[in-house]
Amino acid sequence: MLFVECCRSVGLAAKFVNSYAHIDDSTDHEFHAWAEVYLPGGGWCGYDPTLGLAVADRHVVVAAAADPPDAAAISGTFRGSAVATIESAVEIAVVPPKSAT
């Protein structure tokens, strides 16, 4: 939030992004969030502070918005008895782009 607010305070557009990140084949996909800033002449640039990386082709966007609650990948409410259960699963396949040789 601090990064987004700092960008906005100097007149740069910024947004919140929720996604999955595929780091390497030995780790599971991780649910991630980061901020993106619009740089004139450079377009939208994302920064993943958790991994210390610039956002690249191994980041898969699920939702993006100007306000954090609007970028939530899943939201909602549930009313029911204590015996009710909710199960969910998300499967994602990340296919790296073919190298140009």
PDB file of N, CA and C in Angstrom:
ATOM      1  N   MET A   1       0.827  -1.190   0.000  1.00  0.00           N
ATOM      2  CA  MET A   1       0.000   0.000   0.000  1.00  0.00           C
ATOM      3  C   MET A   1       0.868   1.250   0.000  1.00  0.00           C
ATOM      4  N   LEU A   2       1.988   1.170   0.712  1.00  0.00           N
ATOM      5  CA  LEU A   2       2.874   2.326   0.782  1.00  0.00           C
ATOM      6  C   LEU A   2       3.426   2.682  -0.594  1.00  0.00           C
ATOM      7  N   PHE A   3       3.853   1.676  -1.345  1.00  0.00           N
ATOM      8  CA  PHE A   3       4.387   1.912  -2.683  1.00  0.00           C
ATOM      9  C   PHE A   3       3.330   2.574  -3.572  1.00  0.00           C
ATOM     10  N   VAL A   4       2.117   2.041  -3.547  1.00  0.00           N
ATOM     11  CA  VAL A   4       1.034   2.594  -4.372  1.00  0.00           C
ATOM     12  C   VAL A   4       0.768   4.043  -3.986  1.00  0.00           C
ATOM     13  N   GLU A   5       0.673   4.311  -2.694  1.00  0.00           N
ATOM     14  CA  GLU A   5       0.407   5.679  -2.248  1.00  0.00           C
ATOM     15  C   GLU A   5       1.555   6.626  -2.580  1.00  0.00           C
ATOM     16  N   CYS A   6       2.797   6.161  -2.482  1.00  0.00           N
ATOM     17  CA  CYS A   6       3.947   7.005  -2.855  1.00  0.00           C
ATOM     18  C   CYS A   6       3.900   7.345  -4.340  1.00  0.00           C
ATOM     19  N   CYS A   7       3.590   6.357  -5.172  1.00  0.00           N
ATOM     20  CA  CYS A   7       3.479   6.607  -6.617  1.00  0.00           C
ATOM     21  C   CYS A   7       2.394   7.629  -6.911  1.00  0.00           C
ATOM     22  N   ARG A   8       1.249   7.443  -6.283  1.00  0.00           N
ATOM     23  CA  ARG A   8       0.122   8.350  -6.520  1.00  0.00           C
ATOM     24  C   ARG A   8       0.415   9.760  -6.028  1.00  0.00           C
ATOM     25  N   SER A   9       1.201   9.878  -4.949  1.00  0.00           N
ATOM     26  CA  SER A   9       1.497  11.208  -4.403  1.00  0.00           C
ATOM     27  C   SER A   9       2.364  12.043  -5.342  1.00  0.00           C
ATOM     28  N   VAL A  10       3.087  11.384  -6.261  1.00  0.00           N
ATOM     29  CA  VAL A  10       3.896  12.128  -7.234  1.00  0.00           C
ATOM     30  C   VAL A  10       3.256  12.113  -8.622  1.00  0.00           C
ATOM     31  N   GLY A  11       1.968  11.737  -8.683  1.00  0.00           N
ATOM     32  CA  GLY A  11       1.221  11.825  -9.932  1.00  0.00           C
ATOM     33  C   GLY A  11       1.317  10.618 -10.844  1.00  0.00           C
ATOM     34  N   LEU A  12       1.811   9.483 -10.347  1.00  0.00           N
ATOM     35  CA  LEU A  12       1.885   8.274 -11.169  1.00  0.00           C
ATOM     36  C   LEU A  12       0.712   7.355 -10.832  1.00  0.00           C
ATOM     37  N   ALA A  13       0.102   6.784 -11.851  1.00  0.00           N
ATOM     38  CA  ALA A  13      -0.982   5.826 -11.638  1.00  0.00           C
ATOM     39  C   ALA A  13      -0.391   4.543 -11.070  1.00  0.00           C
ATOM     40  N   ALA A  14      -1.094   3.937 -10.123  1.00  0.00           N
ATOM     41  CA  ALA A  14      -0.631   2.695  -9.524  1.00  0.00           C
ATOM     42  C   ALA A  14      -1.830   1.827  -9.178  1.00  0.00           C
ATOM     43  N   LYS A  15      -1.629   0.503  -9.164  1.00  0.00           N
ATOM     44  CA  LYS A  15      -2.725  -0.415  -8.861  1.00  0.00           C
ATOM     45  C   LYS A  15      -2.210  -1.619  -8.074  1.00  0.00           C
ATOM     46  N   PHE A  16      -3.155  -2.319  -7.453  1.00  0.00           N
ATOM     47  CA  PHE A  16      -2.879  -3.537  -6.697  1.00  0.00           C
ATOM     48  C   PHE A  16      -3.169  -4.732  -7.594  1.00  0.00           C
ATOM     49  N   VAL A  17      -2.359  -5.782  -7.487  1.00  0.00           N
ATOM     50  CA  VAL A  17      -2.523  -6.971  -8.312  1.00  0.00           C
ATOM     51  C   VAL A  17      -2.451  -8.219  -7.437  1.00  0.00           C
ATOM     52  N   ASN A  18      -3.371  -9.137  -7.648  1.00  0.00           N
ATOM     53  CA  ASN A  18      -3.318 -10.460  -7.027  1.00  0.00           C
ATOM     54  C   ASN A  18      -3.060 -11.475  -8.121  1.00  0.00           C
ATOM     55  N   SER A  19      -2.265 -12.494  -7.812  1.00  0.00           N
ATOM     56  CA  SER A  19      -1.889 -13.436  -8.857  1.00  0.00           C
ATOM     57  C   SER A  19      -1.317 -14.713  -8.281  1.00  0.00           C
ATOM     58  N   TYR A  20      -0.835 -15.519  -9.190  1.00  0.00           N
ATOM     59  CA  TYR A  20      -0.030 -16.688  -8.852  1.00  0.00           C
ATOM     60  C   TYR A  20       1.345 -16.462  -9.438  1.00  0.00           C
ATOM     61  N   ALA A  21       2.355 -16.984  -8.726  1.00  0.00           N
ATOM     62  CA  ALA A  21       3.721 -16.899  -9.233  1.00  0.00           C
ATOM     63  C   ALA A  21       4.288 -18.305  -9.332  1.00  0.00           C
ATOM     64  N   HIS A  22       4.887 -18.600 -10.457  1.00  0.00           N
ATOM     65  CA  HIS A  22       5.560 -19.892 -10.669  1.00  0.00           C
ATOM     66  C   HIS A  22       7.052 -19.589 -10.629  1.00  0.00           C
ATOM     67  N   ILE A  23       7.684 -19.939  -9.509  1.00  0.00           N
ATOM     68  CA  ILE A  23       9.079 -19.579  -9.312  1.00  0.00           C
ATOM     69  C   ILE A  23       9.998 -20.528 -10.065  1.00  0.00           C
ATOM     70  N   ASP A  24       9.842 -21.807  -9.805  1.00  0.00           N
ATOM     71  CA  ASP A  24      10.605 -22.819 -10.534  1.00  0.00           C
ATOM     72  C   ASP A  24       9.855 -24.138 -10.436  1.00  0.00           C
ATOM     73  N   ASP A  25      10.333 -25.156 -11.132  1.00  0.00           N
ATOM     74  CA  ASP A  25       9.618 -26.426 -11.182  1.00  0.00           C
ATOM     75  C   ASP A  25       9.662 -27.203  -9.870  1.00  0.00           C
ATOM     76  N   SER A  26      10.545 -26.833  -8.954  1.00  0.00           N
ATOM     77  CA  SER A  26      10.660 -27.570  -7.693  1.00  0.00           C
ATOM     78  C   SER A  26       9.727 -27.034  -6.601  1.00  0.00           C
ATOM     79  N   THR A  27       9.089 -25.910  -6.836  1.00  0.00           N
ATOM     80  CA  THR A  27       8.183 -25.339  -5.840  1.00  0.00           C
ATOM     81  C   THR A  27       6.766 -25.274  -6.392  1.00  0.00           C
ATOM     82  N   ASP A  28       5.803 -25.260  -5.481  1.00  0.00           N
ATOM     83  CA  ASP A  28       4.409 -25.111  -5.883  1.00  0.00           C
ATOM     84  C   ASP A  28       4.157 -23.681  -6.324  1.00  0.00           C
ATOM     85  N   HIS A  29       3.059 -23.501  -7.044  1.00  0.00           N
ATOM     86  CA  HIS A  29       2.643 -22.147  -7.407  1.00  0.00           C
ATOM     87  C   HIS A  29       2.242 -21.435  -6.125  1.00  0.00           C
ATOM     88  N   GLU A  30       2.563 -20.177  -6.025  1.00  0.00           N
ATOM     89  CA  GLU A  30       2.257 -19.412  -4.831  1.00  0.00           C
ATOM     90  C   GLU A  30       1.291 -18.290  -5.168  1.00  0.00           C
ATOM     91  N   PHE A  31       0.319 -18.081  -4.275  1.00  0.00           N
ATOM     92  CA  PHE A  31      -0.569 -16.947  -4.433  1.00  0.00           C
ATOM     93  C   PHE A  31       0.209 -15.709  -4.024  1.00  0.00           C
ATOM     94  N   HIS A  32       0.189 -14.698  -4.826  1.00  0.00           N
ATOM     95  CA  HIS A  32       1.003 -13.512  -4.615  1.00  0.00           C
ATOM     96  C   HIS A  32       0.189 -12.241  -4.792  1.00  0.00           C
ATOM     97  N   ALA A  33       0.744 -11.168  -4.293  1.00  0.00           N
ATOM     98  CA  ALA A  33       0.177  -9.836  -4.531  1.00  0.00           C
ATOM     99  C   ALA A  33       1.348  -8.879  -4.721  1.00  0.00           C
ATOM    100  N   TRP A  34       1.146  -7.898  -5.529  1.00  0.00           N
ATOM    101  CA  TRP A  34       2.176  -6.885  -5.729  1.00  0.00           C
ATOM    102  C   TRP A  34       1.524  -5.606  -6.210  1.00  0.00           C
ATOM    103  N   ALA A  35       2.337  -4.602  -6.448  1.00  0.00           N
ATOM    104  CA  ALA A  35       1.847  -3.319  -6.953  1.00  0.00           C
ATOM    105  C   ALA A  35       2.431  -3.079  -8.338  1.00  0.00           C
ATOM    106  N   GLU A  36       1.680  -2.375  -9.150  1.00  0.00           N
ATOM    107  CA  GLU A  36       2.166  -1.956 -10.463  1.00  0.00           C
ATOM    108  C   GLU A  36       2.026  -0.447 -10.575  1.00  0.00           C
ATOM    109  N   VAL A  37       2.978   0.160 -11.242  1.00  0.00           N
ATOM    110  CA  VAL A  37       2.976   1.594 -11.477  1.00  0.00           C
ATOM    111  C   VAL A  37       3.032   1.816 -12.987  1.00  0.00           C
ATOM    112  N   TYR A  38       2.320   2.837 -13.458  1.00  0.00           N
ATOM    113  CA  TYR A  38       2.355   3.171 -14.883  1.00  0.00           C
ATOM    114  C   TYR A  38       3.426   4.227 -15.093  1.00  0.00           C
ATOM    115  N   LEU A  39       4.483   3.840 -15.811  1.00  0.00           N
ATOM    116  CA  LEU A  39       5.573   4.765 -16.107  1.00  0.00           C
ATOM    117  C   LEU A  39       5.406   5.290 -17.530  1.00  0.00           C
ATOM    118  N   PRO A  40       5.272   6.607 -17.696  1.00  0.00           N
ATOM    119  CA  PRO A  40       5.123   7.165 -19.047  1.00  0.00           C
ATOM    120  C   PRO A  40       6.280   6.710 -19.940  1.00  0.00           C
ATOM    121  N   GLY A  41       5.931   6.161 -21.084  1.00  0.00           N
ATOM    122  CA  GLY A  41       6.938   5.648 -22.012  1.00  0.00           C
ATOM    123  C   GLY A  41       7.357   4.219 -21.715  1.00  0.00           C
ATOM    124  N   GLY A  42       6.988   3.701 -20.559  1.00  0.00           N
ATOM    125  CA  GLY A  42       7.380   2.341 -20.189  1.00  0.00           C
ATOM    126  C   GLY A  42       6.208   1.421 -19.930  1.00  0.00           C
ATOM    127  N   GLY A  43       5.024   1.998 -19.759  1.00  0.00           N
ATOM    128  CA  GLY A  43       3.835   1.191 -19.496  1.00  0.00           C
ATOM    129  C   GLY A  43       3.765   0.727 -18.051  1.00  0.00           C
ATOM    130  N   TRP A  44       2.944  -0.294 -17.816  1.00  0.00           N
ATOM    131  CA  TRP A  44       2.752  -0.832 -16.467  1.00  0.00           C
ATOM    132  C   TRP A  44       3.948  -1.684 -16.081  1.00  0.00           C
ATOM    133  N   CYS A  45       4.535  -1.379 -14.933  1.00  0.00           N
ATOM    134  CA  CYS A  45       5.675  -2.130 -14.409  1.00  0.00           C
ATOM    135  C   CYS A  45       5.313  -2.652 -13.020  1.00  0.00           C
ATOM    136  N   GLY A  46       5.460  -3.953 -12.824  1.00  0.00           N
ATOM    137  CA  GLY A  46       5.115  -4.559 -11.551  1.00  0.00           C
ATOM    138  C   GLY A  46       6.350  -4.908 -10.745  1.00  0.00           C
ATOM    139  N   TYR A  47       6.208  -4.826  -9.423  1.00  0.00           N
ATOM    140  CA  TYR A  47       7.299  -5.139  -8.509  1.00  0.00           C
ATOM    141  C   TYR A  47       6.783  -6.099  -7.449  1.00  0.00           C
ATOM    142  N   ASP A  48       7.405  -7.257  -7.339  1.00  0.00           N
ATOM    143  CA  ASP A  48       7.014  -8.290  -6.384  1.00  0.00           C
ATOM    144  C   ASP A  48       7.943  -8.192  -5.174  1.00  0.00           C
ATOM    145  N   PRO A  49       7.512  -7.523  -4.100  1.00  0.00           N
ATOM    146  CA  PRO A  49       8.392  -7.329  -2.951  1.00  0.00           C
ATOM    147  C   PRO A  49       8.673  -8.620  -2.182  1.00  0.00           C
ATOM    148  N   THR A  50       7.778  -9.598  -2.257  1.00  0.00           N
ATOM    149  CA  THR A  50       7.987 -10.857  -1.552  1.00  0.00           C
ATOM    150  C   THR A  50       9.196 -11.595  -2.099  1.00  0.00           C
ATOM    151  N   LEU A  51       9.309 -11.631  -3.415  1.00  0.00           N
ATOM    152  CA  LEU A  51      10.415 -12.338  -4.054  1.00  0.00           C
ATOM    153  C   LEU A  51      11.571 -11.414  -4.416  1.00  0.00           C
ATOM    154  N   GLY A  52      11.353 -10.104  -4.303  1.00  0.00           N
ATOM    155  CA  GLY A  52      12.392  -9.160  -4.675  1.00  0.00           C
ATOM    156  C   GLY A  52      12.654  -9.158  -6.170  1.00  0.00           C
ATOM    157  N   LEU A  53      11.600  -9.354  -6.960  1.00  0.00           N
ATOM    158  CA  LEU A  53      11.738  -9.441  -8.410  1.00  0.00           C
ATOM    159  C   LEU A  53      10.837  -8.445  -9.122  1.00  0.00           C
ATOM    160  N   ALA A  54      11.239  -8.079 -10.311  1.00  0.00           N
ATOM    161  CA  ALA A  54      10.319  -7.374 -11.200  1.00  0.00           C
ATOM    162  C   ALA A  54       9.352  -8.424 -11.728  1.00  0.00           C
ATOM    163  N   VAL A  55       8.100  -8.060 -11.902  1.00  0.00           N
ATOM    164  CA  VAL A  55       7.092  -8.989 -12.402  1.00  0.00           C
ATOM    165  C   VAL A  55       7.432  -9.341 -13.844  1.00  0.00           C
ATOM    166  N   ALA A  56       7.357 -10.647 -14.136  1.00  0.00           N
ATOM    167  CA  ALA A  56       7.726 -11.117 -15.471  1.00  0.00           C
ATOM    168  C   ALA A  56       6.737 -12.182 -15.929  1.00  0.00           C
ATOM    169  N   ASP A  57       7.153 -13.001 -16.877  1.00  0.00           N
ATOM    170  CA  ASP A  57       6.263 -13.985 -17.480  1.00  0.00           C
ATOM    171  C   ASP A  57       5.882 -15.130 -16.551  1.00  0.00           C
ATOM    172  N   ARG A  58       6.491 -15.258 -15.405  1.00  0.00           N
ATOM    173  CA  ARG A  58       6.133 -16.320 -14.461  1.00  0.00           C
ATOM    174  C   ARG A  58       5.108 -15.847 -13.423  1.00  0.00           C
ATOM    175  N   HIS A  59       4.612 -14.651 -13.585  1.00  0.00           N
ATOM    176  CA  HIS A  59       3.543 -14.121 -12.740  1.00  0.00           C
ATOM    177  C   HIS A  59       2.254 -14.127 -13.560  1.00  0.00           C
ATOM    178  N   VAL A  60       1.209 -14.756 -13.016  1.00  0.00           N
ATOM    179  CA  VAL A  60      -0.068 -14.869 -13.719  1.00  0.00           C
ATOM    180  C   VAL A  60      -1.109 -14.049 -12.963  1.00  0.00           C
ATOM    181  N   VAL A  61      -1.580 -12.977 -13.575  1.00  0.00           N
ATOM    182  CA  VAL A  61      -2.527 -12.064 -12.925  1.00  0.00           C
ATOM    183  C   VAL A  61      -3.900 -12.713 -12.792  1.00  0.00           C
ATOM    184  N   VAL A  62      -4.478 -12.610 -11.599  1.00  0.00           N
ATOM    185  CA  VAL A  62      -5.829 -13.078 -11.344  1.00  0.00           C
ATOM    186  C   VAL A  62      -6.788 -11.887 -11.279  1.00  0.00           C
ATOM    187  N   ALA A  63      -6.360 -10.815 -10.612  1.00  0.00           N
ATOM    188  CA  ALA A  63      -7.207  -9.629 -10.477  1.00  0.00           C
ATOM    189  C   ALA A  63      -6.329  -8.412 -10.264  1.00  0.00           C
ATOM    190  N   ALA A  64      -6.784  -7.254 -10.735  1.00  0.00           N
ATOM    191  CA  ALA A  64      -6.066  -5.991 -10.542  1.00  0.00           C
ATOM    192  C   ALA A  64      -7.089  -4.880 -10.367  1.00  0.00           C
ATOM    193  N   ALA A  65      -6.763  -3.925  -9.486  1.00  0.00           N
ATOM    194  CA  ALA A  65      -7.698  -2.822  -9.238  1.00  0.00           C
ATOM    195  C   ALA A  65      -6.988  -1.672  -8.535  1.00  0.00           C
ATOM    196  N   ALA A  66      -7.633  -0.526  -8.531  1.00  0.00           N
ATOM    197  CA  ALA A  66      -7.076   0.656  -7.876  1.00  0.00           C
ATOM    198  C   ALA A  66      -7.127   0.555  -6.358  1.00  0.00           C
ATOM    199  N   ASP A  67      -8.104  -0.175  -5.817  1.00  0.00           N
ATOM    200  CA  ASP A  67      -8.255  -0.326  -4.371  1.00  0.00           C
ATOM    201  C   ASP A  67      -8.063  -1.793  -3.987  1.00  0.00           C
ATOM    202  N   PRO A  68      -7.370  -2.075  -2.874  1.00  0.00           N
ATOM    203  CA  PRO A  68      -7.075  -3.459  -2.492  1.00  0.00           C
ATOM    204  C   PRO A  68      -8.290  -4.398  -2.428  1.00  0.00           C
ATOM    205  N   PRO A  69      -9.421  -3.989  -1.825  1.00  0.00           N
ATOM    206  CA  PRO A  69     -10.550  -4.939  -1.769  1.00  0.00           C
ATOM    207  C   PRO A  69     -11.077  -5.332  -3.144  1.00  0.00           C
ATOM    208  N   ASP A  70     -10.957  -4.435  -4.109  1.00  0.00           N
ATOM    209  CA  ASP A  70     -11.442  -4.729  -5.455  1.00  0.00           C
ATOM    210  C   ASP A  70     -10.523  -5.680  -6.212  1.00  0.00           C
ATOM    211  N   ALA A  71      -9.311  -5.863  -5.726  1.00  0.00           N
ATOM    212  CA  ALA A  71      -8.367  -6.773  -6.370  1.00  0.00           C
ATOM    213  C   ALA A  71      -8.370  -8.155  -5.735  1.00  0.00           C
ATOM    214  N   ALA A  72      -9.252  -8.372  -4.781  1.00  0.00           N
ATOM    215  CA  ALA A  72      -9.327  -9.686  -4.135  1.00  0.00           C
ATOM    216  C   ALA A  72      -9.746 -10.729  -5.159  1.00  0.00           C
ATOM    217  N   ALA A  73      -8.980 -11.797  -5.235  1.00  0.00           N
ATOM    218  CA  ALA A  73      -9.292 -12.850  -6.200  1.00  0.00           C
ATOM    219  C   ALA A  73     -10.577 -13.575  -5.826  1.00  0.00           C
ATOM    220  N   ILE A  74     -10.809 -13.727  -4.533  1.00  0.00           N
ATOM    221  CA  ILE A  74     -12.011 -14.399  -4.040  1.00  0.00           C
ATOM    222  C   ILE A  74     -12.524 -13.612  -2.848  1.00  0.00           C
ATOM    223  N   SER A  75     -13.809 -13.355  -2.820  1.00  0.00           N
ATOM    224  CA  SER A  75     -14.401 -12.700  -1.663  1.00  0.00           C
ATOM    225  C   SER A  75     -15.843 -13.154  -1.552  1.00  0.00           C
ATOM    226  N   GLY A  76     -16.411 -12.960  -0.391  1.00  0.00           N
ATOM    227  CA  GLY A  76     -17.806 -13.328  -0.222  1.00  0.00           C
ATOM    228  C   GLY A  76     -18.107 -13.660   1.219  1.00  0.00           C
ATOM    229  N   THR A  77     -19.309 -14.139   1.446  1.00  0.00           N
ATOM    230  CA  THR A  77     -19.741 -14.514   2.791  1.00  0.00           C
ATOM    231  C   THR A  77     -20.419 -15.872   2.732  1.00  0.00           C
ATOM    232  N   PHE A  78     -20.512 -16.486   3.895  1.00  0.00           N
ATOM    233  CA  PHE A  78     -21.190 -17.772   4.011  1.00  0.00           C
ATOM    234  C   PHE A  78     -21.985 -17.790   5.296  1.00  0.00           C
ATOM    235  N   ARG A  79     -23.210 -18.240   5.219  1.00  0.00           N
ATOM    236  CA  ARG A  79     -24.034 -18.422   6.412  1.00  0.00           C
ATOM    237  C   ARG A  79     -24.488 -19.872   6.422  1.00  0.00           C
ATOM    238  N   GLY A  80     -24.358 -20.483   7.566  1.00  0.00           N
ATOM    239  CA  GLY A  80     -24.783 -21.871   7.660  1.00  0.00           C
ATOM    240  C   GLY A  80     -24.455 -22.429   9.026  1.00  0.00           C
ATOM    241  N   SER A  81     -24.726 -23.698   9.186  1.00  0.00           N
ATOM    242  CA  SER A  81     -24.447 -24.344  10.468  1.00  0.00           C
ATOM    243  C   SER A  81     -22.973 -24.705  10.564  1.00  0.00           C
ATOM    244  N   ALA A  82     -22.561 -25.044  11.761  1.00  0.00           N
ATOM    245  CA  ALA A  82     -21.164 -25.394  11.997  1.00  0.00           C
ATOM    246  C   ALA A  82     -20.769 -26.684  11.292  1.00  0.00           C
ATOM    247  N   VAL A  83     -21.740 -27.489  10.873  1.00  0.00           N
ATOM    248  CA  VAL A  83     -21.405 -28.741  10.200  1.00  0.00           C
ATOM    249  C   VAL A  83     -21.208 -28.558   8.699  1.00  0.00           C
ATOM    250  N   ALA A  84     -21.557 -27.418   8.183  1.00  0.00           N
ATOM    251  CA  ALA A  84     -21.375 -27.159   6.756  1.00  0.00           C
ATOM    252  C   ALA A  84     -19.898 -26.920   6.462  1.00  0.00           C
ATOM    253  N   THR A  85     -19.441 -27.379   5.332  1.00  0.00           N
ATOM    254  CA  THR A  85     -18.051 -27.149   4.926  1.00  0.00           C
ATOM    255  C   THR A  85     -18.033 -26.558   3.525  1.00  0.00           C
ATOM    256  N   ILE A  86     -17.010 -25.800   3.285  1.00  0.00           N
ATOM    257  CA  ILE A  86     -16.791 -25.239   1.958  1.00  0.00           C
ATOM    258  C   ILE A  86     -15.400 -25.676   1.529  1.00  0.00           C
ATOM    259  N   GLU A  87     -15.321 -26.261   0.371  1.00  0.00           N
ATOM    260  CA  GLU A  87     -14.027 -26.658  -0.167  1.00  0.00           C
ATOM    261  C   GLU A  87     -13.830 -25.958  -1.499  1.00  0.00           C
ATOM    262  N   SER A  88     -12.603 -25.586  -1.762  1.00  0.00           N
ATOM    263  CA  SER A  88     -12.292 -24.977  -3.049  1.00  0.00           C
ATOM    264  C   SER A  88     -10.884 -25.365  -3.454  1.00  0.00           C
ATOM    265  N   ALA A  89     -10.637 -25.301  -4.714  1.00  0.00           N
ATOM    266  CA  ALA A  89      -9.309 -25.611  -5.236  1.00  0.00           C
ATOM    267  C   ALA A  89      -9.097 -24.807  -6.512  1.00  0.00           C
ATOM    268  N   VAL A  90      -7.881 -24.452  -6.736  1.00  0.00           N
ATOM    269  CA  VAL A  90      -7.500 -23.748  -7.953  1.00  0.00           C
ATOM    270  C   VAL A  90      -6.317 -24.486  -8.557  1.00  0.00           C
ATOM    271  N   GLU A  91      -6.455 -24.861  -9.796  1.00  0.00           N
ATOM    272  CA  GLU A  91      -5.343 -25.493 -10.485  1.00  0.00           C
ATOM    273  C   GLU A  91      -4.887 -24.541 -11.577  1.00  0.00           C
ATOM    274  N   ILE A  92      -3.596 -24.425 -11.677  1.00  0.00           N
ATOM    275  CA  ILE A  92      -3.047 -23.524 -12.673  1.00  0.00           C
ATOM    276  C   ILE A  92      -1.854 -24.201 -13.331  1.00  0.00           C
ATOM    277  N   ALA A  93      -1.751 -24.048 -14.610  1.00  0.00           N
ATOM    278  CA  ALA A  93      -0.607 -24.595 -15.347  1.00  0.00           C
ATOM    279  C   ALA A  93       0.118 -23.427 -16.001  1.00  0.00           C
ATOM    280  N   VAL A  94       1.365 -23.281 -15.682  1.00  0.00           N
ATOM    281  CA  VAL A  94       2.169 -22.217 -16.259  1.00  0.00           C
ATOM    282  C   VAL A  94       3.084 -22.840 -17.289  1.00  0.00           C
ATOM    283  N   VAL A  95       2.963 -22.396 -18.511  1.00  0.00           N
ATOM    284  CA  VAL A  95       3.791 -22.908 -19.588  1.00  0.00           C
ATOM    285  C   VAL A  95       4.735 -21.789 -20.010  1.00  0.00           C
ATOM    286  N   PRO A  96       6.035 -21.957 -19.756  1.00  0.00           N
ATOM    287  CA  PRO A  96       6.972 -20.907 -20.158  1.00  0.00           C
ATOM    288  C   PRO A  96       6.958 -20.715 -21.671  1.00  0.00           C
ATOM    289  N   PRO A  97       7.150 -19.494 -22.132  1.00  0.00           N
ATOM    290  CA  PRO A  97       7.164 -19.260 -23.583  1.00  0.00           C
ATOM    291  C   PRO A  97       8.363 -19.947 -24.211  1.00  0.00           C
ATOM    292  N   LYS A  98       8.189 -20.369 -25.448  1.00  0.00           N
ATOM    293  CA  LYS A  98       9.287 -20.998 -26.177  1.00  0.00           C
ATOM    294  C   LYS A  98      10.334 -19.939 -26.489  1.00  0.00           C
ATOM    295  N   SER A  99      11.573 -20.301 -26.323  1.00  0.00           N
ATOM    296  CA  SER A  99      12.647 -19.338 -26.615  1.00  0.00           C
ATOM    297  C   SER A  99      12.758 -19.154 -28.116  1.00  0.00           C
ATOM    298  N   ALA A 100      13.074 -17.957 -28.493  1.00  0.00           N
ATOM    299  CA  ALA A 100      13.229 -17.616 -29.906  1.00  0.00           C
ATOM    300  C   ALA A 100      14.633 -17.984 -30.350  1.00  0.00           C
ATOM    301  N   THR A 101      14.749 -19.136 -31.014  1.00  0.00           N
ATOM    302  CA  THR A 101      16.075 -19.553 -31.499  1.00  0.00           C
ATOM    303  C   THR A 101      16.101 -19.652 -32.983  1.00  0.00           C
TER     304      THR A 101
END
